[in-house]
Amino acid sequence: MEFEFVDLGGESYAFVNEQDGEELAKITWTMLGDVMAMDHTFVSEKLRGQGVAKQLLDRAAEYAREQEYKMEPVCSYVVTAFERYSEYDDVKTS
């Protein structure tokens, strides 16, 4: 699944998947210096149960690595994923 990088204005950004004008998946963050404060994850009911939230987080983590940023989990999904998966250890703030 492809995700488009979107500048939401200010210091807020997202990766979004849209199909036929409908937003189906989105992960958003606010930049605090060189830290991505991951504040929201959304997956449409049409895509739930297919691992799309993890794909969004994987893409955001890839972006963090590319930019040499760290990630701070704020939304409940990212908090849980950071606890569950060690593959994000390199981008965690703590």
Protein backbone atom coordinates (compact mmCIF):
# COMPACT_ATOMS: atom_id res chain seq x y z
CA MET A 1 0.00 0.00 0.00
CA GLU A 2 1.30 3.46 -0.88
CA PHE A 3 1.28 6.42 1.48
CA GLU A 4 1.64 10.05 0.40
CA PHE A 5 3.66 12.46 2.54
CA VAL A 6 1.50 15.49 3.39
CA ASP A 7 2.49 18.80 5.02
CA LEU A 8 -0.49 19.68 7.21
CA GLY A 9 0.84 23.14 8.06
CA GLY A 10 2.83 24.45 10.95
CA GLU A 11 4.98 21.59 12.20
CA SER A 12 2.36 18.88 11.48
CA TYR A 13 2.81 16.16 8.87
CA ALA A 14 1.22 12.89 7.80
CA PHE A 15 1.40 9.85 5.62
CA VAL A 16 -1.99 9.30 3.98
CA ASN A 17 -3.63 6.72 1.75
CA GLU A 18 -6.55 8.02 -0.29
CA GLN A 19 -8.61 6.16 -2.83
CA ASP A 20 -11.25 7.84 -4.99
CA GLY A 21 -11.09 10.93 -2.79
CA GLU A 22 -11.70 8.98 0.41
CA GLU A 23 -9.10 8.99 3.17
CA LEU A 24 -8.60 5.35 4.13
CA ALA A 25 -5.50 5.48 6.32
CA LYS A 26 -3.43 8.18 8.00
CA ILE A 27 -0.68 8.63 10.57
CA THR A 28 0.12 12.13 11.80
CA TRP A 29 2.85 13.74 13.84
CA THR A 30 4.12 17.08 15.03
CA MET A 31 7.80 17.93 14.77
CA LEU A 32 9.41 18.98 18.04
CA GLY A 33 12.97 19.78 17.00
CA ASP A 34 14.26 16.47 15.58
CA VAL A 35 11.53 14.39 17.25
CA MET A 36 8.35 13.20 15.54
CA ALA A 37 5.59 13.25 18.19
CA MET A 38 3.31 10.56 16.75
CA ASP A 39 -0.14 11.81 17.71
CA HIS A 40 -2.77 10.02 15.61
CA THR A 41 -3.30 6.85 13.62
CA PHE A 42 -6.48 6.23 11.60
CA VAL A 43 -7.53 3.25 9.50
CA SER A 44 -10.92 3.10 7.80
CA GLU A 45 -13.24 0.25 8.74
CA LYS A 46 -12.80 -0.95 5.13
CA LEU A 47 -9.13 -1.74 5.84
CA ARG A 48 -9.12 -2.73 9.50
CA GLY A 49 -7.63 -6.08 10.42
CA GLN A 50 -5.22 -6.02 7.44
CA GLY A 51 -2.13 -4.65 9.19
CA VAL A 52 -2.50 -1.19 7.67
CA ALA A 53 -1.77 0.69 10.92
CA LYS A 54 1.54 -1.16 11.19
CA GLN A 55 2.31 -0.35 7.54
CA LEU A 56 1.70 3.33 8.32
CA LEU A 57 3.99 3.17 11.34
CA ASP A 58 6.63 1.30 9.33
CA ARG A 59 6.57 4.06 6.69
CA ALA A 60 6.84 6.78 9.35
CA ALA A 61 9.75 4.93 10.99
CA GLU A 62 11.46 4.63 7.60
CA TYR A 63 11.03 8.39 7.15
CA ALA A 64 12.45 9.02 10.64
CA ARG A 65 15.51 6.93 9.79
CA GLU A 66 15.99 8.74 6.46
CA GLN A 67 15.86 12.14 8.19
CA GLU A 68 17.78 10.98 11.30
CA TYR A 69 14.79 11.82 13.53
CA LYS A 70 13.53 10.08 16.64
CA MET A 71 9.89 9.20 17.36
CA GLU A 72 7.89 9.90 20.52
CA PRO A 73 4.77 7.72 20.88
CA VAL A 74 1.69 9.73 21.83
CA CYS A 75 -1.28 7.94 20.24
CA SER A 76 -2.26 4.62 21.79
CA TYR A 77 -1.46 2.55 18.69
CA VAL A 78 2.14 3.80 18.49
CA VAL A 79 2.62 3.36 22.26
CA THR A 80 1.48 -0.27 21.99
CA ALA A 81 3.52 -0.97 18.84
CA PHE A 82 6.67 0.46 20.44
CA GLU A 83 6.14 -1.86 23.42
CA ARG A 84 5.40 -4.89 21.24
CA TYR A 85 7.99 -4.64 18.46
CA SER A 86 11.73 -4.22 18.95
CA GLU A 87 12.18 -3.17 15.30
CA TYR A 88 11.45 0.44 16.33
CA ASP A 89 14.09 0.59 19.08
CA ASP A 90 16.46 2.64 16.92
CA VAL A 91 13.93 5.45 16.45
CA LYS A 92 12.52 5.59 19.98
CA THR A 93 13.28 8.68 22.03
CA SER A 94 13.89 6.61 25.15
